[in-house]
Structure formats: C-alpha cells, structure tokens
Amino acid sequence: MPGFLLKRILQSLVLLLIVSVIGFVVLNLLPGGPLAQFGLDSSITQADLDRLREQLGLNRPLYVQYLDWAWRLLQGDWGHSFRDGAPVLEVIARHLWATFLLMGSSTIIAVSIGAWIGIRSATHRGSTFDYAATVGAMIALSIPTFWFGLVGIYVFSLKLGWLPAGNMYTIGDETVLDYLHHLILPSIVLALVHVAIWSRYMRSATLDVMNQDFVKTARAKGLSERRILMKHVVGNALLPMVTLAGIQLPSVLTGALVTETVFTWPGMGRLFLDSLGYSDYPVVMGLLMFSAILVIASNLIADIAVALIDPRIRLA
C-alpha cells in the first residue's frame, strides 16, 4: 500500500506541474496581455505602460516569470488581483463556498436519483421504465447545460413564477429558506446531465454484478430477489462508482461554470469568466491551480478508496 500511495502522489505532482506550465504559457500568449485594459485609456502613455510592465515583471523572459510565480506559489503567495490588489486566495475564498454549495447539492441529487434509476433499470431490464430511462439519458447528454438553464428560467421563473431567475439570495432577505429557494433551480439544472451519467454507469455495474456466480449461488439457495439485491448486488455495484465520483469532478466544475453564468451565481465559475474578461491573470491562474488541485486530489482519494476496498487494485 505505501508503494501504491507513493506512486499515485508522484503522478499527481507531475500532472499538477504540467497543468501549471501549460496554463501559465497559454495565458501569457493570449492577445493583449494583462495590460490590455490600460491600453483603452487615452490618458495612459506608452511610457506608463512600460513602467507598469516593469513593475509587474512582465518585461522578463516567460520562463523567469513562471519560475518566480511557481516559487511564490509554493511559499503560499498566490499573487494579487490586478483589479483591486486583493490577495488571490482571498478573492477565491469569497466565492468558494457558493460553488461548493451548488456542486454539493447537485451531486447529492445526481447520485441519489441516478443510482436509483440505474438499479431499477437493471432489475427491470427491457421494461418500459428501462427504455424511458435510456431515452431520457440520451436526451440529457445531448443537450447543453446552458439550454436546460434557459428553459428552466423561462418556465419556472418567467411563466410560473415559482423560482428565482438568478442570484444566490434576495437582498434584505438572506435567510436559509431564501438561499434554498434560489438554490433549487441551478442545482437541478447542473444535476440533470450527471443523473444521466450516473444512471447509465449504475445500470451497467448492476447488470454486471447480477451475472456473477455468487449472485447465481444466492438465487440457488432460495434467497429473495430483494435480499440478493440489497445484500449482494448494490454494494458491489457501487464499487466502480467511487472511481466515477473522482472522474466526474472536472465535469461538475465545468457545468458549474456554465450554470453560474446562466443564473448569475456568485461562485468560482462566474469569477473565472469575469477575471478572464478583465485580464486579471493572477486570479485566473489561481482559479486554474485551485481547480487542478481539487480535481487531482479527488482522483487520488478515489484511487486510495478503491485500493482499500479492493486490494487487487494496489497491484496495478
């Protein structure tokens, strides 16, 4: 187990290094650069731009800029925002819990509903429910998240008036119920695609377990189908889902970015787009690295969890 853990940690560190290099290079090669916003101000001369470039260290070779940024990152200094001068970690922290709230609620919805649909489809293979679940999953996977968001706003906000069209709370009424009221629509929209994914994976895993010899032996002993399902099938079918949970995190983060934009949700996705529009590269890089660390850490935890559950994985 220590060898397996060390191998996975080293792989994660290498991957994180690659992500940081690619992200840093791509951002600095974008047209305009960090000083593009100042070029629109006629009162700022070329001498002023040159002075700003020198103060920010943008006149140095790109590899020197990267090494300096990486060294400061390792020391806990993620830089300062170009917009207001606030520390990058402080800026991210302001929006962090909003994104985690949206991702957490949508994941709970997706896992609970998706797992139930998948198990029921597997145990009723070939039924009307199974075909309906398959068609529904294909539709959900074929339509982009922002379309679901716009339709949800049109139907439930504009036409029926049941749910808010956006934002995280009503100004002056920041109660728990108000937060939940605003959370319902974006969390359901974000969960829709992942319900389809979880249901398909869970159906496949359940069918695979149901065809195993130990399940056939349980049937031969006269155990009821319900007892076989609860005691032998579900637990084993959930094992691959642990890995899926880690794999799905990047997709949830990407969906959160789109959902937060549609619903003006003040999370990290909204912050990323705003910072990119203002060429606030320190915040953009901070968000990129934070997301990469989150995704890589979740995959590492998923690998360790699977290895603890199934010792055969440690040999891989």
Protein backbone atom coordinates (compact mmCIF):
# COMPACT_ATOMS: atom_id res chain seq x y z
CA MET A 1 0.00 0.00 0.00
CA PRO A 2 2.77 2.58 0.74
CA GLY A 3 4.30 1.92 -2.70
CA PHE A 4 0.92 2.33 -4.39
CA LEU A 5 0.29 5.57 -2.48
CA LEU A 6 3.73 6.99 -3.29
CA LYS A 7 3.29 6.18 -6.98
CA ARG A 8 -0.09 7.93 -7.14
CA ILE A 9 1.21 11.01 -5.28
CA LEU A 10 4.20 11.35 -7.63
CA GLN A 11 1.90 11.03 -10.65
CA SER A 12 -0.36 13.71 -9.19
CA LEU A 13 2.55 16.11 -8.62
CA VAL A 14 3.82 15.64 -12.17
CA LEU A 15 0.33 16.23 -13.56
CA LEU A 16 -0.04 19.37 -11.46
CA LEU A 17 3.29 20.67 -12.78
CA ILE A 18 2.21 20.07 -16.39
CA VAL A 19 -1.12 21.85 -15.81
CA SER A 20 0.64 24.87 -14.26
CA VAL A 21 3.13 25.19 -17.13
CA ILE A 22 0.50 24.88 -19.87
CA GLY A 23 -1.89 27.27 -18.12
CA PHE A 24 0.79 29.89 -17.48
CA VAL A 25 2.12 29.78 -21.05
CA VAL A 26 -1.33 29.89 -22.70
CA LEU A 27 -2.48 32.82 -20.56
CA ASN A 28 0.62 34.84 -21.32
CA LEU A 29 0.35 34.17 -25.06
CA LEU A 30 -3.22 35.48 -25.28
CA PRO A 31 -3.61 38.65 -27.42
CA GLY A 32 -3.39 41.91 -25.49
CA GLY A 33 -1.94 40.52 -22.30
CA PRO A 34 -2.58 41.73 -18.75
CA LEU A 35 -2.13 45.41 -19.72
CA ALA A 36 -4.76 45.35 -22.47
CA GLN A 37 -7.31 47.11 -20.26
CA PHE A 38 -4.96 50.06 -19.72
CA GLY A 39 -4.41 50.49 -23.45
CA LEU A 40 -8.03 51.61 -23.81
CA ASP A 41 -7.38 54.65 -21.62
CA SER A 42 -6.16 57.54 -23.80
CA SER A 43 -4.59 59.26 -20.79
CA ILE A 44 -2.10 56.40 -20.33
CA THR A 45 1.04 56.81 -22.45
CA GLN A 46 3.39 54.15 -23.75
CA ALA A 47 5.87 55.20 -21.06
CA ASP A 48 3.22 54.48 -18.42
CA LEU A 49 2.58 51.04 -19.94
CA ASP A 50 6.31 50.30 -19.98
CA ARG A 51 6.57 51.31 -16.33
CA LEU A 52 3.62 49.08 -15.38
CA ARG A 53 5.12 46.21 -17.34
CA GLU A 54 8.36 46.59 -15.42
CA GLN A 55 6.62 46.88 -12.04
CA LEU A 56 4.64 43.68 -12.71
CA GLY A 57 7.71 41.87 -14.00
CA LEU A 58 6.14 41.34 -17.44
CA ASN A 59 9.29 42.54 -19.23
CA ARG A 60 11.24 39.47 -18.11
CA PRO A 61 11.53 36.23 -20.12
CA LEU A 62 8.49 34.00 -19.80
CA TYR A 63 10.35 31.14 -18.12
CA VAL A 64 11.70 33.57 -15.49
CA GLN A 65 8.17 34.83 -14.82
CA TYR A 66 6.95 31.24 -14.44
CA LEU A 67 9.72 30.20 -12.06
CA ASP A 68 9.14 33.30 -9.93
CA TRP A 69 5.38 32.68 -9.85
CA ALA A 70 5.82 28.96 -9.04
CA TRP A 71 8.29 29.68 -6.23
CA ARG A 72 5.96 32.21 -4.64
CA LEU A 73 3.06 29.77 -5.05
CA LEU A 74 4.97 27.10 -3.14
CA GLN A 75 5.52 29.64 -0.34
CA GLY A 76 1.79 30.32 -0.13
CA ASP A 77 1.84 33.60 -2.07
CA TRP A 78 -0.63 33.20 -4.93
CA GLY A 79 -0.22 36.80 -6.06
CA HIS A 80 -2.57 39.78 -6.03
CA SER A 81 -5.52 40.67 -8.22
CA PHE A 82 -4.88 43.28 -10.93
CA ARG A 83 -8.40 44.64 -10.37
CA ASP A 84 -8.39 45.57 -6.70
CA GLY A 85 -4.99 44.45 -5.40
CA ALA A 86 -6.53 41.86 -3.06
CA PRO A 87 -4.66 38.57 -2.46
CA VAL A 88 -5.73 35.90 -4.92
CA LEU A 89 -6.54 33.38 -2.19
CA GLU A 90 -8.78 35.95 -0.51
CA VAL A 91 -10.61 36.61 -3.79
CA ILE A 92 -11.13 32.88 -4.37
CA ALA A 93 -12.27 32.36 -0.76
CA ARG A 94 -15.09 34.90 -1.25
CA HIS A 95 -16.61 32.73 -3.99
CA LEU A 96 -15.56 29.29 -2.82
CA TRP A 97 -18.46 28.27 -0.62
CA ALA A 98 -21.02 29.37 -3.24
CA THR A 99 -19.54 26.95 -5.76
CA PHE A 100 -19.21 24.15 -3.20
CA LEU A 101 -22.84 24.66 -2.17
CA LEU A 102 -24.00 24.39 -5.78
CA MET A 103 -21.74 21.42 -6.58
CA GLY A 104 -22.59 19.59 -3.36
CA SER A 105 -26.36 19.92 -3.76
CA SER A 106 -26.27 18.93 -7.44
CA THR A 107 -24.04 15.93 -6.70
CA ILE A 108 -26.41 14.69 -3.99
CA ILE A 109 -29.31 14.97 -6.43
CA ALA A 110 -27.39 13.30 -9.27
CA VAL A 111 -26.04 10.39 -7.21
CA SER A 112 -29.26 9.59 -5.37
CA ILE A 113 -31.59 9.81 -8.37
CA GLY A 114 -29.09 8.41 -10.87
CA ALA A 115 -28.26 5.38 -8.70
CA TRP A 116 -31.96 4.64 -8.13
CA ILE A 117 -32.75 4.88 -11.86
CA GLY A 118 -29.76 2.71 -12.74
CA ILE A 119 -30.62 -0.04 -10.26
CA ARG A 120 -34.29 -0.07 -11.24
CA SER A 121 -33.40 -0.15 -14.96
CA ALA A 122 -31.07 -3.11 -14.38
CA THR A 123 -33.58 -5.07 -12.30
CA HIS A 124 -36.34 -4.32 -14.84
CA ARG A 125 -34.25 -4.77 -17.96
CA GLY A 126 -36.24 -4.42 -21.16
CA SER A 127 -39.21 -2.82 -19.40
CA THR A 128 -40.91 0.45 -20.33
CA PHE A 129 -39.08 2.13 -17.45
CA ASP A 130 -35.72 0.88 -18.77
CA TYR A 131 -36.37 2.19 -22.28
CA ALA A 132 -37.68 5.51 -20.95
CA ALA A 133 -34.60 5.92 -18.74
CA THR A 134 -32.30 5.18 -21.69
CA VAL A 135 -34.05 7.69 -23.96
CA GLY A 136 -34.11 10.30 -21.18
CA ALA A 137 -30.38 9.81 -20.54
CA MET A 138 -29.55 10.24 -24.23
CA ILE A 139 -31.58 13.43 -24.40
CA ALA A 140 -29.95 14.84 -21.25
CA LEU A 141 -26.46 14.05 -22.58
CA SER A 142 -27.21 15.59 -25.99
CA ILE A 143 -28.47 18.98 -24.80
CA PRO A 144 -26.02 21.55 -23.35
CA THR A 145 -26.38 22.65 -19.74
CA PHE A 146 -26.99 26.31 -20.60
CA TRP A 147 -30.06 25.31 -22.65
CA PHE A 148 -31.57 23.50 -19.66
CA GLY A 149 -30.83 26.60 -17.59
CA LEU A 150 -32.53 28.98 -20.01
CA VAL A 151 -35.58 26.71 -20.34
CA GLY A 152 -35.77 26.37 -16.55
CA ILE A 153 -35.68 30.15 -16.11
CA TYR A 154 -38.34 30.65 -18.80
CA VAL A 155 -40.73 28.01 -17.42
CA PHE A 156 -40.30 28.16 -13.64
CA SER A 157 -39.32 31.82 -13.23
CA LEU A 158 -40.93 33.84 -16.01
CA LYS A 159 -44.06 31.79 -16.74
CA LEU A 160 -44.92 30.11 -13.43
CA GLY A 161 -43.08 32.45 -11.07
CA TRP A 162 -42.22 29.60 -8.70
CA LEU A 163 -38.44 30.04 -8.51
CA PRO A 164 -35.98 32.96 -8.75
CA ALA A 165 -34.32 33.54 -12.12
CA GLY A 166 -30.86 34.12 -10.69
CA ASN A 167 -28.55 35.27 -7.90
CA MET A 168 -27.87 33.43 -4.66
CA TYR A 169 -30.23 35.29 -2.33
CA THR A 170 -32.70 38.16 -2.15
CA ILE A 171 -31.15 41.34 -0.83
CA GLY A 172 -32.66 42.07 2.57
CA ASP A 173 -33.99 38.53 2.99
CA GLU A 174 -30.82 36.45 3.46
CA THR A 175 -32.42 33.54 5.33
CA VAL A 176 -31.75 29.82 4.97
CA LEU A 177 -35.07 29.32 3.21
CA ASP A 178 -34.24 32.12 0.78
CA TYR A 179 -30.87 30.53 -0.02
CA LEU A 180 -32.58 27.16 -0.60
CA HIS A 181 -35.22 28.83 -2.77
CA HIS A 182 -32.51 30.26 -5.02
CA LEU A 183 -30.53 27.01 -4.98
CA ILE A 184 -33.28 24.70 -6.27
CA LEU A 185 -33.24 25.61 -9.98
CA PRO A 186 -29.45 25.87 -10.62
CA SER A 187 -28.69 22.70 -8.65
CA ILE A 188 -31.31 20.70 -10.58
CA VAL A 189 -30.06 22.07 -13.91
CA LEU A 190 -26.46 21.19 -13.03
CA ALA A 191 -27.53 17.72 -11.84
CA LEU A 192 -29.52 16.75 -14.95
CA VAL A 193 -26.60 15.65 -17.12
CA HIS A 194 -24.93 13.85 -14.22
CA VAL A 195 -28.14 11.99 -13.36
CA ALA A 196 -27.97 10.54 -16.88
CA ILE A 197 -24.30 9.58 -16.47
CA TRP A 198 -24.75 8.01 -13.03
CA SER A 199 -27.84 6.08 -14.11
CA ARG A 200 -26.06 4.58 -17.14
CA TYR A 201 -22.98 3.58 -15.15
CA MET A 202 -25.06 2.21 -12.29
CA ARG A 203 -27.22 0.18 -14.67
CA SER A 204 -24.16 -1.34 -16.31
CA ALA A 205 -22.44 -2.09 -12.99
CA THR A 206 -25.61 -3.64 -11.53
CA LEU A 207 -26.14 -5.88 -14.56
CA ASP A 208 -22.51 -6.99 -14.39
CA VAL A 209 -22.81 -7.94 -10.71
CA MET A 210 -26.15 -9.70 -11.25
CA ASN A 211 -24.45 -12.05 -13.72
CA GLN A 212 -21.71 -13.07 -11.28
CA ASP A 213 -21.54 -16.60 -9.91
CA PHE A 214 -22.04 -15.60 -6.27
CA VAL A 215 -25.38 -13.98 -7.17
CA LYS A 216 -26.47 -17.11 -9.02
CA THR A 217 -25.47 -19.14 -5.96
CA ALA A 218 -27.56 -16.88 -3.73
CA ARG A 219 -30.56 -17.45 -6.01
CA ALA A 220 -29.96 -21.21 -5.90
CA LYS A 221 -30.07 -21.06 -2.09
CA GLY A 222 -33.57 -19.62 -2.33
CA LEU A 223 -32.85 -16.04 -1.21
CA SER A 224 -35.42 -13.47 -2.27
CA GLU A 225 -34.54 -11.09 -5.11
CA ARG A 226 -34.87 -8.13 -2.76
CA ARG A 227 -32.42 -9.61 -0.26
CA ILE A 228 -29.98 -10.55 -3.04
CA LEU A 229 -30.20 -7.02 -4.42
CA MET A 230 -29.64 -5.27 -1.09
CA LYS A 231 -27.06 -7.66 0.38
CA HIS A 232 -25.01 -8.78 -2.63
CA VAL A 233 -25.66 -6.61 -5.68
CA VAL A 234 -25.89 -2.95 -4.64
CA GLY A 235 -22.72 -2.88 -2.51
CA ASN A 236 -20.60 -4.48 -5.24
CA ALA A 237 -22.14 -2.35 -7.98
CA LEU A 238 -21.28 0.81 -6.04
CA LEU A 239 -17.55 -0.01 -6.04
CA PRO A 240 -16.89 1.37 -9.57
CA MET A 241 -18.94 4.43 -8.63
CA VAL A 242 -16.23 5.51 -6.18
CA THR A 243 -13.84 5.93 -9.11
CA LEU A 244 -16.58 7.58 -11.16
CA ALA A 245 -17.08 10.19 -8.43
CA GLY A 246 -13.46 11.30 -8.83
CA ILE A 247 -13.63 11.25 -12.62
CA GLN A 248 -16.86 13.27 -12.66
CA LEU A 249 -15.47 16.22 -10.66
CA PRO A 250 -14.00 18.04 -13.71
CA SER A 251 -17.35 17.69 -15.47
CA VAL A 252 -19.17 19.07 -12.41
CA LEU A 253 -16.75 22.03 -12.25
CA THR A 254 -17.25 22.76 -15.95
CA GLY A 255 -21.01 22.51 -15.58
CA ALA A 256 -20.86 24.78 -12.55
CA LEU A 257 -19.07 27.44 -14.63
CA VAL A 258 -21.88 27.41 -17.20
CA THR A 259 -24.65 27.19 -14.60
CA GLU A 260 -23.20 30.03 -12.53
CA THR A 261 -23.06 32.20 -15.66
CA VAL A 262 -26.68 31.50 -16.61
CA PHE A 263 -28.01 32.05 -13.09
CA THR A 264 -25.54 34.83 -12.10
CA TRP A 265 -24.46 32.60 -9.22
CA PRO A 266 -21.50 34.24 -7.40
CA GLY A 267 -19.18 31.24 -7.45
CA MET A 268 -15.75 30.42 -8.85
CA GLY A 269 -17.08 29.85 -12.38
CA ARG A 270 -18.53 33.33 -12.52
CA LEU A 271 -15.33 34.73 -11.03
CA PHE A 272 -13.25 32.92 -13.67
CA LEU A 273 -15.17 34.46 -16.57
CA ASP A 274 -15.13 37.94 -15.01
CA SER A 275 -11.38 37.71 -14.31
CA LEU A 276 -10.71 36.48 -17.85
CA GLY A 277 -12.68 39.42 -19.25
CA TYR A 278 -10.65 41.88 -17.15
CA SER A 279 -7.36 40.10 -17.99
CA ASP A 280 -6.86 39.53 -14.27
CA TYR A 281 -4.30 36.80 -14.86
CA PRO A 282 -3.23 36.21 -11.22
CA VAL A 283 -6.83 35.34 -10.30
CA VAL A 284 -7.30 33.24 -13.45
CA MET A 285 -4.13 31.26 -12.70
CA GLY A 286 -5.15 30.95 -9.06
CA LEU A 287 -8.53 29.51 -10.06
CA LEU A 288 -6.88 27.18 -12.56
CA MET A 289 -4.43 25.84 -9.97
CA PHE A 290 -7.09 25.57 -7.26
CA SER A 291 -9.37 23.62 -9.61
CA ALA A 292 -6.49 21.40 -10.73
CA ILE A 293 -5.52 20.65 -7.12
CA LEU A 294 -9.15 19.88 -6.29
CA VAL A 295 -9.60 17.54 -9.26
CA ILE A 296 -6.26 15.75 -8.82
CA ALA A 297 -6.81 15.37 -5.06
CA SER A 298 -10.30 13.94 -5.59
CA ASN A 299 -8.97 11.41 -8.10
CA LEU A 300 -6.18 10.48 -5.70
CA ILE A 301 -8.65 9.99 -2.86
CA ALA A 302 -10.87 7.89 -5.14
CA ASP A 303 -7.90 5.71 -6.12
CA ILE A 304 -6.94 5.21 -2.47
CA ALA A 305 -10.55 4.42 -1.50
CA VAL A 306 -10.86 1.81 -4.26
CA ALA A 307 -7.49 0.30 -3.29
CA LEU A 308 -8.63 -0.01 0.32
CA ILE A 309 -11.89 -1.64 -0.75
CA ASP A 310 -10.35 -3.92 -3.38
CA PRO A 311 -6.72 -4.99 -2.64
CA ARG A 312 -6.29 -6.21 -6.23
CA ILE A 313 -6.16 -2.58 -7.40
CA ARG A 314 -2.91 -1.99 -5.49
CA LEU A 315 -1.08 -4.26 -7.88
CA ALA A 316 -1.88 -2.01 -10.86
